[in-house]
Amino acid sequence: MQITKRNVELRVDDSLMRVYVATPKPPGRYPGIIFYSDIYQLGGAMLRAVNYLAGFGYVVAAPEIFHRVEPVGQVIEPDDIGRMRGNDDARRTAISEYDADCKAVLEFIKSDASVNFEKIGAFGFCIGGHLAFRAAFQSEVKATVCCYPTGIPSGKLGATVADSIERCNEIRGEMLVVFGAQDPHIPENDRQTIIKSLFNAGIQHKVLLYDAEHTFMRDDGYRYDSEQSTLAWFEVITFLKRIFGNG
């Protein structure tokens, strides 16, 4: 499916938040997805992922997660310096600010004429997987995809300790979690903590474990695994289509 692309401006706490939006080109009303990037914000790899997802029939809205501390349009380079910068940006952002951003983007998605507001989902990579997990606390989110989400058991997310793992029982939709077996950032103990918490909270969920490293779905990095990534994307699209149908 062909798509259209645009940038929109939202104001949250007097900060300008750029949101990149990809929309299926054929007229209609589609499920809406809030999409969270990794710590490097909206560079080429993340935009390609947004566009790819939108091409399956979703209106995908991706906010710049560090808009309070970075200039509009800032892409952080995915190297050692960029990793330090992104992690520092994360530590300088309050949990309440991430949550406020989520609500603002969800309100935008629901108000878009191309979106079926009864079909809303969340999606994210790395820190974005954690943010997608928190987005699932919102009642309108019916499906959530967390790809190698970092910091959920420990609460490592922003300026303070996040209460994400304790709030599993607030999730009302279904969840798909994608892990890499060789990912040192989400070791086996952390994976099991997330799985057990979802199970104990009665959340309908599916967990996928691939023989891959952290960020294995990021197509411009040295950890990228095209085979495992393709398998994961197939499962992601199958999951979303099962819940949302064809729009």
C-alpha atoms as a PDB file:
ATOM      1  CA  MET A   1       0.000   0.000   0.000  1.00  0.00           C
ATOM      2  CA  GLN A   2       1.336   3.453  -0.894  1.00  0.00           C
ATOM      3  CA  ILE A   3       1.568   6.068   1.867  1.00  0.00           C
ATOM      4  CA  THR A   4       1.726   9.811   2.386  1.00  0.00           C
ATOM      5  CA  LYS A   5       4.131  11.473   4.834  1.00  0.00           C
ATOM      6  CA  ARG A   6       3.946  14.668   6.856  1.00  0.00           C
ATOM      7  CA  ASN A   7       5.214  16.352   9.990  1.00  0.00           C
ATOM      8  CA  VAL A   8       2.811  17.876  12.486  1.00  0.00           C
ATOM      9  CA  GLU A   9       3.422  20.149  15.451  1.00  0.00           C
ATOM     10  CA  LEU A  10       1.977  19.448  18.866  1.00  0.00           C
ATOM     11  CA  ARG A  11       2.517  21.576  21.959  1.00  0.00           C
ATOM     12  CA  VAL A  12       3.005  19.736  25.235  1.00  0.00           C
ATOM     13  CA  ASP A  13       3.888  21.688  28.389  1.00  0.00           C
ATOM     14  CA  ASP A  14       4.882  24.612  26.141  1.00  0.00           C
ATOM     15  CA  SER A  15       7.385  22.463  24.263  1.00  0.00           C
ATOM     16  CA  LEU A  16       7.069  21.928  20.524  1.00  0.00           C
ATOM     17  CA  MET A  17       6.862  18.213  19.771  1.00  0.00           C
ATOM     18  CA  ARG A  18       7.383  17.227  16.150  1.00  0.00           C
ATOM     19  CA  VAL A  19       5.378  14.154  15.164  1.00  0.00           C
ATOM     20  CA  TYR A  20       6.131  12.340  11.928  1.00  0.00           C
ATOM     21  CA  VAL A  21       2.955  10.843  10.483  1.00  0.00           C
ATOM     22  CA  ALA A  22       2.705   8.203   7.752  1.00  0.00           C
ATOM     23  CA  THR A  23      -0.777   7.486   6.371  1.00  0.00           C
ATOM     24  CA  PRO A  24      -2.059   4.994   3.808  1.00  0.00           C
ATOM     25  CA  LYS A  25      -2.723   6.815   0.546  1.00  0.00           C
ATOM     26  CA  PRO A  26      -6.084   5.240  -0.372  1.00  0.00           C
ATOM     27  CA  PRO A  27      -8.978   7.155   1.246  1.00  0.00           C
ATOM     28  CA  GLY A  28     -10.416   5.434   4.282  1.00  0.00           C
ATOM     29  CA  ARG A  29     -10.270   5.097   8.043  1.00  0.00           C
ATOM     30  CA  TYR A  30      -7.428   3.019   9.403  1.00  0.00           C
ATOM     31  CA  PRO A  31      -6.187   1.852  12.801  1.00  0.00           C
ATOM     32  CA  GLY A  32      -3.872   4.392  14.431  1.00  0.00           C
ATOM     33  CA  ILE A  33      -0.501   3.503  15.952  1.00  0.00           C
ATOM     34  CA  ILE A  34       1.657   5.620  18.261  1.00  0.00           C
ATOM     35  CA  PHE A  35       5.235   4.705  17.343  1.00  0.00           C
ATOM     36  CA  TYR A  36       8.183   5.213  19.655  1.00  0.00           C
ATOM     37  CA  SER A  37      11.758   5.328  18.380  1.00  0.00           C
ATOM     38  CA  ASP A  38      14.903   4.217  20.161  1.00  0.00           C
ATOM     39  CA  ILE A  39      17.179   6.788  21.854  1.00  0.00           C
ATOM     40  CA  TYR A  40      18.452   8.083  18.508  1.00  0.00           C
ATOM     41  CA  GLN A  41      15.075   9.619  17.631  1.00  0.00           C
ATOM     42  CA  LEU A  42      13.709   9.794  14.094  1.00  0.00           C
ATOM     43  CA  GLY A  43      16.633   8.972  11.840  1.00  0.00           C
ATOM     44  CA  GLY A  44      16.492   6.972   8.630  1.00  0.00           C
ATOM     45  CA  ALA A  45      16.139   3.556  10.229  1.00  0.00           C
ATOM     46  CA  MET A  46      13.188   4.613  12.380  1.00  0.00           C
ATOM     47  CA  LEU A  47      11.436   6.468   9.566  1.00  0.00           C
ATOM     48  CA  ARG A  48      11.767   3.427   7.329  1.00  0.00           C
ATOM     49  CA  ALA A  49      10.147   1.345  10.064  1.00  0.00           C
ATOM     50  CA  VAL A  50       7.305   3.863  10.401  1.00  0.00           C
ATOM     51  CA  ASN A  51       6.740   3.901   6.641  1.00  0.00           C
ATOM     52  CA  TYR A  52       6.905   0.111   6.420  1.00  0.00           C
ATOM     53  CA  LEU A  53       4.289  -0.305   9.130  1.00  0.00           C
ATOM     54  CA  ALA A  54       2.010   2.334   7.605  1.00  0.00           C
ATOM     55  CA  GLY A  55       2.131   0.502   4.279  1.00  0.00           C
ATOM     56  CA  PHE A  56       0.177  -2.369   5.827  1.00  0.00           C
ATOM     57  CA  GLY A  57      -2.787  -0.093   6.479  1.00  0.00           C
ATOM     58  CA  TYR A  58      -2.056   1.947   9.602  1.00  0.00           C
ATOM     59  CA  VAL A  59      -1.843   5.632  10.401  1.00  0.00           C
ATOM     60  CA  VAL A  60       1.474   5.734  12.268  1.00  0.00           C
ATOM     61  CA  ALA A  61       2.418   8.759  14.381  1.00  0.00           C
ATOM     62  CA  ALA A  62       5.992   8.944  15.692  1.00  0.00           C
ATOM     63  CA  PRO A  63       6.862  11.717  18.184  1.00  0.00           C
ATOM     64  CA  GLU A  64      10.339  12.999  18.900  1.00  0.00           C
ATOM     65  CA  ILE A  65      10.742  11.588  22.402  1.00  0.00           C
ATOM     66  CA  PHE A  66      13.360  14.114  23.544  1.00  0.00           C
ATOM     67  CA  HIS A  67      11.706  17.289  22.265  1.00  0.00           C
ATOM     68  CA  ARG A  68      12.137  19.038  25.623  1.00  0.00           C
ATOM     69  CA  VAL A  69      15.945  18.761  25.514  1.00  0.00           C
ATOM     70  CA  GLU A  70      16.775  18.541  21.796  1.00  0.00           C
ATOM     71  CA  PRO A  71      16.002  20.981  18.952  1.00  0.00           C
ATOM     72  CA  VAL A  72      13.199  20.126  16.548  1.00  0.00           C
ATOM     73  CA  GLY A  73      14.295  17.630  13.926  1.00  0.00           C
ATOM     74  CA  GLN A  74      17.378  16.513  15.817  1.00  0.00           C
ATOM     75  CA  VAL A  75      18.621  13.064  14.828  1.00  0.00           C
ATOM     76  CA  ILE A  76      21.151  11.553  17.214  1.00  0.00           C
ATOM     77  CA  GLU A  77      23.896   9.602  15.492  1.00  0.00           C
ATOM     78  CA  PRO A  78      23.859   5.885  16.364  1.00  0.00           C
ATOM     79  CA  ASP A  79      27.463   5.772  17.563  1.00  0.00           C
ATOM     80  CA  ASP A  80      29.154   5.822  20.982  1.00  0.00           C
ATOM     81  CA  ILE A  81      28.774   9.585  21.403  1.00  0.00           C
ATOM     82  CA  GLY A  82      25.175   9.413  20.253  1.00  0.00           C
ATOM     83  CA  ARG A  83      24.437   6.590  22.664  1.00  0.00           C
ATOM     84  CA  MET A  84      25.738   8.696  25.562  1.00  0.00           C
ATOM     85  CA  ARG A  85      23.758  11.705  24.355  1.00  0.00           C
ATOM     86  CA  GLY A  86      20.543   9.717  23.954  1.00  0.00           C
ATOM     87  CA  ASN A  87      20.879   8.106  27.362  1.00  0.00           C
ATOM     88  CA  ASP A  88      21.541  11.514  28.913  1.00  0.00           C
ATOM     89  CA  ASP A  89      18.449  12.929  27.189  1.00  0.00           C
ATOM     90  CA  ALA A  90      16.443  10.030  28.599  1.00  0.00           C
ATOM     91  CA  ARG A  91      17.688  10.738  32.120  1.00  0.00           C
ATOM     92  CA  ARG A  92      16.765  14.411  31.773  1.00  0.00           C
ATOM     93  CA  THR A  93      13.134  13.657  30.876  1.00  0.00           C
ATOM     94  CA  ALA A  94      10.595  13.072  33.655  1.00  0.00           C
ATOM     95  CA  ILE A  95       8.336  10.033  33.605  1.00  0.00           C
ATOM     96  CA  SER A  96       5.347  12.370  33.832  1.00  0.00           C
ATOM     97  CA  GLU A  97       6.581  14.159  30.704  1.00  0.00           C
ATOM     98  CA  TYR A  98       6.764  10.937  28.722  1.00  0.00           C
ATOM     99  CA  ASP A  99       3.217  10.146  29.865  1.00  0.00           C
ATOM    100  CA  ALA A 100       1.979  13.624  28.902  1.00  0.00           C
ATOM    101  CA  ASP A 101       3.494  13.213  25.438  1.00  0.00           C
ATOM    102  CA  CYS A 102       1.732   9.870  25.054  1.00  0.00           C
ATOM    103  CA  LYS A 103      -1.651  11.349  25.856  1.00  0.00           C
ATOM    104  CA  ALA A 104      -1.086  14.262  23.457  1.00  0.00           C
ATOM    105  CA  VAL A 105      -0.179  11.977  20.553  1.00  0.00           C
ATOM    106  CA  LEU A 106      -3.082   9.638  21.277  1.00  0.00           C
ATOM    107  CA  GLU A 107      -5.498  12.583  21.248  1.00  0.00           C
ATOM    108  CA  PHE A 108      -4.037  13.698  17.918  1.00  0.00           C
ATOM    109  CA  ILE A 109      -4.389  10.200  16.458  1.00  0.00           C
ATOM    110  CA  LYS A 110      -8.004   9.875  17.594  1.00  0.00           C
ATOM    111  CA  SER A 111      -8.869  13.244  16.059  1.00  0.00           C
ATOM    112  CA  ASP A 112      -7.350  12.463  12.659  1.00  0.00           C
ATOM    113  CA  ALA A 113      -9.977  11.952   9.962  1.00  0.00           C
ATOM    114  CA  SER A 114      -8.073   8.966   8.553  1.00  0.00           C
ATOM    115  CA  VAL A 115      -8.127   7.058  11.849  1.00  0.00           C
ATOM    116  CA  ASN A 116     -10.714   4.663  13.180  1.00  0.00           C
ATOM    117  CA  PHE A 117     -10.533   5.895  16.774  1.00  0.00           C
ATOM    118  CA  GLU A 118     -11.830   2.552  18.090  1.00  0.00           C
ATOM    119  CA  LYS A 119      -8.669   0.845  16.798  1.00  0.00           C
ATOM    120  CA  ILE A 120      -5.612   2.321  18.492  1.00  0.00           C
ATOM    121  CA  GLY A 121      -2.274   0.631  19.120  1.00  0.00           C
ATOM    122  CA  ALA A 122       1.266   1.327  20.340  1.00  0.00           C
ATOM    123  CA  PHE A 123       4.642   0.205  19.021  1.00  0.00           C
ATOM    124  CA  GLY A 124       8.236   0.843  20.068  1.00  0.00           C
ATOM    125  CA  PHE A 125      11.893  -0.156  19.987  1.00  0.00           C
ATOM    126  CA  CYS A 126      14.294  -0.232  22.979  1.00  0.00           C
ATOM    127  CA  ILE A 127      13.386   2.746  25.202  1.00  0.00           C
ATOM    128  CA  GLY A 128      10.485   3.138  22.796  1.00  0.00           C
ATOM    129  CA  GLY A 129       9.408  -0.392  23.682  1.00  0.00           C
ATOM    130  CA  HIS A 130       9.221   0.707  27.310  1.00  0.00           C
ATOM    131  CA  LEU A 131       7.253   3.814  26.308  1.00  0.00           C
ATOM    132  CA  ALA A 132       4.884   1.646  24.260  1.00  0.00           C
ATOM    133  CA  PHE A 133       4.448  -0.567  27.332  1.00  0.00           C
ATOM    134  CA  ARG A 134       3.391   2.520  29.313  1.00  0.00           C
ATOM    135  CA  ALA A 135       1.126   3.648  26.459  1.00  0.00           C
ATOM    136  CA  ALA A 136      -0.745   0.378  26.975  1.00  0.00           C
ATOM    137  CA  PHE A 137      -1.962   1.779  30.322  1.00  0.00           C
ATOM    138  CA  GLN A 138      -4.290   4.049  28.320  1.00  0.00           C
ATOM    139  CA  SER A 139      -7.712   2.483  27.927  1.00  0.00           C
ATOM    140  CA  GLU A 140      -7.990   3.214  24.201  1.00  0.00           C
ATOM    141  CA  VAL A 141      -4.870   1.192  23.338  1.00  0.00           C
ATOM    142  CA  LYS A 142      -6.054  -2.206  22.154  1.00  0.00           C
ATOM    143  CA  ALA A 143      -2.757  -3.708  20.916  1.00  0.00           C
ATOM    144  CA  THR A 144       0.855  -3.036  21.871  1.00  0.00           C
ATOM    145  CA  VAL A 145       4.119  -4.235  20.322  1.00  0.00           C
ATOM    146  CA  CYS A 146       7.253  -3.897  22.467  1.00  0.00           C
ATOM    147  CA  CYS A 147      10.463  -4.730  20.600  1.00  0.00           C
ATOM    148  CA  TYR A 148      13.336  -5.454  23.013  1.00  0.00           C
ATOM    149  CA  PRO A 149      11.952  -2.978  25.590  1.00  0.00           C
ATOM    150  CA  THR A 150      14.604  -1.758  27.999  1.00  0.00           C
ATOM    151  CA  GLY A 151      14.310  -0.858  31.674  1.00  0.00           C
ATOM    152  CA  ILE A 152      10.881  -2.285  32.466  1.00  0.00           C
ATOM    153  CA  PRO A 153      11.795  -4.485  35.477  1.00  0.00           C
ATOM    154  CA  SER A 154      14.317  -1.968  36.859  1.00  0.00           C
ATOM    155  CA  GLY A 155      12.227   1.124  36.184  1.00  0.00           C
ATOM    156  CA  LYS A 156      15.067   2.706  34.204  1.00  0.00           C
ATOM    157  CA  LEU A 157      13.434   5.153  31.831  1.00  0.00           C
ATOM    158  CA  GLY A 158      13.738   8.800  32.796  1.00  0.00           C
ATOM    159  CA  ALA A 159      14.718  11.173  35.584  1.00  0.00           C
ATOM    160  CA  THR A 160      13.146   8.956  38.242  1.00  0.00           C
ATOM    161  CA  VAL A 161      12.332   5.271  38.628  1.00  0.00           C
ATOM    162  CA  ALA A 162       9.366   4.235  36.474  1.00  0.00           C
ATOM    163  CA  ASP A 163       6.560   2.194  38.010  1.00  0.00           C
ATOM    164  CA  SER A 164       5.857   0.345  34.756  1.00  0.00           C
ATOM    165  CA  ILE A 165       6.154  -3.239  35.965  1.00  0.00           C
ATOM    166  CA  GLU A 166       3.897  -2.559  38.952  1.00  0.00           C
ATOM    167  CA  ARG A 167       1.162  -1.193  36.696  1.00  0.00           C
ATOM    168  CA  CYS A 168       0.683  -4.247  34.463  1.00  0.00           C
ATOM    169  CA  ASN A 169      -2.864  -4.676  35.724  1.00  0.00           C
ATOM    170  CA  GLU A 170      -3.808  -1.377  34.050  1.00  0.00           C
ATOM    171  CA  ILE A 171      -3.249  -2.875  30.601  1.00  0.00           C
ATOM    172  CA  ARG A 172      -6.530  -3.728  28.866  1.00  0.00           C
ATOM    173  CA  GLY A 173      -5.364  -4.604  25.375  1.00  0.00           C
ATOM    174  CA  GLU A 174      -3.207  -7.425  24.022  1.00  0.00           C
ATOM    175  CA  MET A 175       0.579  -7.324  23.910  1.00  0.00           C
ATOM    176  CA  LEU A 176       3.320  -8.753  21.723  1.00  0.00           C
ATOM    177  CA  VAL A 177       6.869  -8.662  23.115  1.00  0.00           C
ATOM    178  CA  VAL A 178       9.912  -9.284  20.915  1.00  0.00           C
ATOM    179  CA  PHE A 179      13.219 -10.255  22.542  1.00  0.00           C
ATOM    180  CA  GLY A 180      16.694 -11.160  21.330  1.00  0.00           C
ATOM    181  CA  ALA A 181      18.263 -14.134  23.089  1.00  0.00           C
ATOM    182  CA  GLN A 182      21.715 -12.515  22.841  1.00  0.00           C
ATOM    183  CA  ASP A 183      20.571  -9.140  24.179  1.00  0.00           C
ATOM    184  CA  PRO A 184      22.617  -8.161  27.269  1.00  0.00           C
ATOM    185  CA  HIS A 185      20.338  -5.181  27.946  1.00  0.00           C
ATOM    186  CA  ILE A 186      17.381  -7.513  28.607  1.00  0.00           C
ATOM    187  CA  PRO A 187      18.856 -10.657  30.165  1.00  0.00           C
ATOM    188  CA  GLU A 188      16.903 -13.813  30.869  1.00  0.00           C
ATOM    189  CA  ASN A 189      15.932 -12.727  34.393  1.00  0.00           C
ATOM    190  CA  ASP A 190      14.428  -9.498  33.090  1.00  0.00           C
ATOM    191  CA  ARG A 191      12.609 -11.317  30.294  1.00  0.00           C
ATOM    192  CA  GLN A 192      11.095 -13.726  32.790  1.00  0.00           C
ATOM    193  CA  THR A 193      10.057 -10.868  35.102  1.00  0.00           C
ATOM    194  CA  ILE A 194       8.163  -9.181  32.261  1.00  0.00           C
ATOM    195  CA  ILE A 195       6.534 -12.442  31.166  1.00  0.00           C
ATOM    196  CA  LYS A 196       5.526 -13.382  34.702  1.00  0.00           C
ATOM    197  CA  SER A 197       4.090  -9.922  35.379  1.00  0.00           C
ATOM    198  CA  LEU A 198       1.965 -10.022  32.227  1.00  0.00           C
ATOM    199  CA  PHE A 199       0.773 -13.531  33.081  1.00  0.00           C
ATOM    200  CA  ASN A 200      -0.089 -12.645  36.690  1.00  0.00           C
ATOM    201  CA  ALA A 201      -1.999  -9.576  35.540  1.00  0.00           C
ATOM    202  CA  GLY A 202      -4.076 -11.695  33.160  1.00  0.00           C
ATOM    203  CA  ILE A 203      -2.875  -9.795  30.075  1.00  0.00           C
ATOM    204  CA  GLN A 204      -3.351 -11.601  26.780  1.00  0.00           C
ATOM    205  CA  HIS A 205       0.165 -11.659  25.402  1.00  0.00           C
ATOM    206  CA  LYS A 206       2.610 -13.391  23.120  1.00  0.00           C
ATOM    207  CA  VAL A 207       6.375 -13.438  23.608  1.00  0.00           C
ATOM    208  CA  LEU A 208       8.840 -14.074  20.776  1.00  0.00           C
ATOM    209  CA  LEU A 209      12.510 -14.885  21.339  1.00  0.00           C
ATOM    210  CA  TYR A 210      14.914 -14.650  18.407  1.00  0.00           C
ATOM    211  CA  ASP A 211      18.517 -15.761  18.124  1.00  0.00           C
ATOM    212  CA  ALA A 212      19.649 -12.165  17.797  1.00  0.00           C
ATOM    213  CA  GLU A 213      21.232  -9.220  19.595  1.00  0.00           C
ATOM    214  CA  HIS A 214      19.824  -5.953  20.875  1.00  0.00           C
ATOM    215  CA  THR A 215      18.521  -3.660  18.082  1.00  0.00           C
ATOM    216  CA  PHE A 216      18.515  -6.555  15.616  1.00  0.00           C
ATOM    217  CA  MET A 217      15.604  -4.935  13.747  1.00  0.00           C
ATOM    218  CA  ARG A 218      17.445  -1.630  13.160  1.00  0.00           C
ATOM    219  CA  ASP A 219      18.511  -1.882   9.523  1.00  0.00           C
ATOM    220  CA  ASP A 220      21.504   0.494   9.650  1.00  0.00           C
ATOM    221  CA  GLY A 221      23.342  -1.032  12.604  1.00  0.00           C
ATOM    222  CA  TYR A 222      26.027  -3.676  12.963  1.00  0.00           C
ATOM    223  CA  ARG A 223      23.631  -5.852  14.991  1.00  0.00           C
ATOM    224  CA  TYR A 224      21.009  -5.910  12.237  1.00  0.00           C
ATOM    225  CA  ASP A 225      19.862  -9.403  11.331  1.00  0.00           C
ATOM    226  CA  SER A 226      17.776  -9.360   8.162  1.00  0.00           C
ATOM    227  CA  GLU A 227      16.516 -12.917   8.570  1.00  0.00           C
ATOM    228  CA  GLN A 228      15.443 -12.598  12.204  1.00  0.00           C
ATOM    229  CA  SER A 229      14.065  -9.112  11.565  1.00  0.00           C
ATOM    230  CA  THR A 230      11.920 -10.356   8.680  1.00  0.00           C
ATOM    231  CA  LEU A 231      10.546 -13.139  10.868  1.00  0.00           C
ATOM    232  CA  ALA A 232       9.766 -10.651  13.638  1.00  0.00           C
ATOM    233  CA  TRP A 233       8.035  -8.200  11.295  1.00  0.00           C
ATOM    234  CA  PHE A 234       5.855 -11.010   9.963  1.00  0.00           C
ATOM    235  CA  GLU A 235       4.730 -11.790  13.518  1.00  0.00           C
ATOM    236  CA  VAL A 236       4.134  -8.100  14.269  1.00  0.00           C
ATOM    237  CA  ILE A 237       1.922  -7.584  11.230  1.00  0.00           C
ATOM    238  CA  THR A 238       0.074 -10.847  11.874  1.00  0.00           C
ATOM    239  CA  PHE A 239      -0.570  -9.783  15.473  1.00  0.00           C
ATOM    240  CA  LEU A 240      -1.898  -6.348  14.497  1.00  0.00           C
ATOM    241  CA  LYS A 241      -4.028  -7.705  11.656  1.00  0.00           C
ATOM    242  CA  ARG A 242      -5.598 -10.283  13.958  1.00  0.00           C
ATOM    243  CA  ILE A 243      -6.673  -7.585  16.405  1.00  0.00           C
ATOM    244  CA  PHE A 244      -7.525  -4.746  14.019  1.00  0.00           C
ATOM    245  CA  GLY A 245      -8.541  -6.638  10.900  1.00  0.00           C
ATOM    246  CA  ASN A 246      -8.270  -4.703   7.652  1.00  0.00           C
ATOM    247  CA  GLY A 247      -9.087  -1.284   9.010  1.00  0.00           C
END
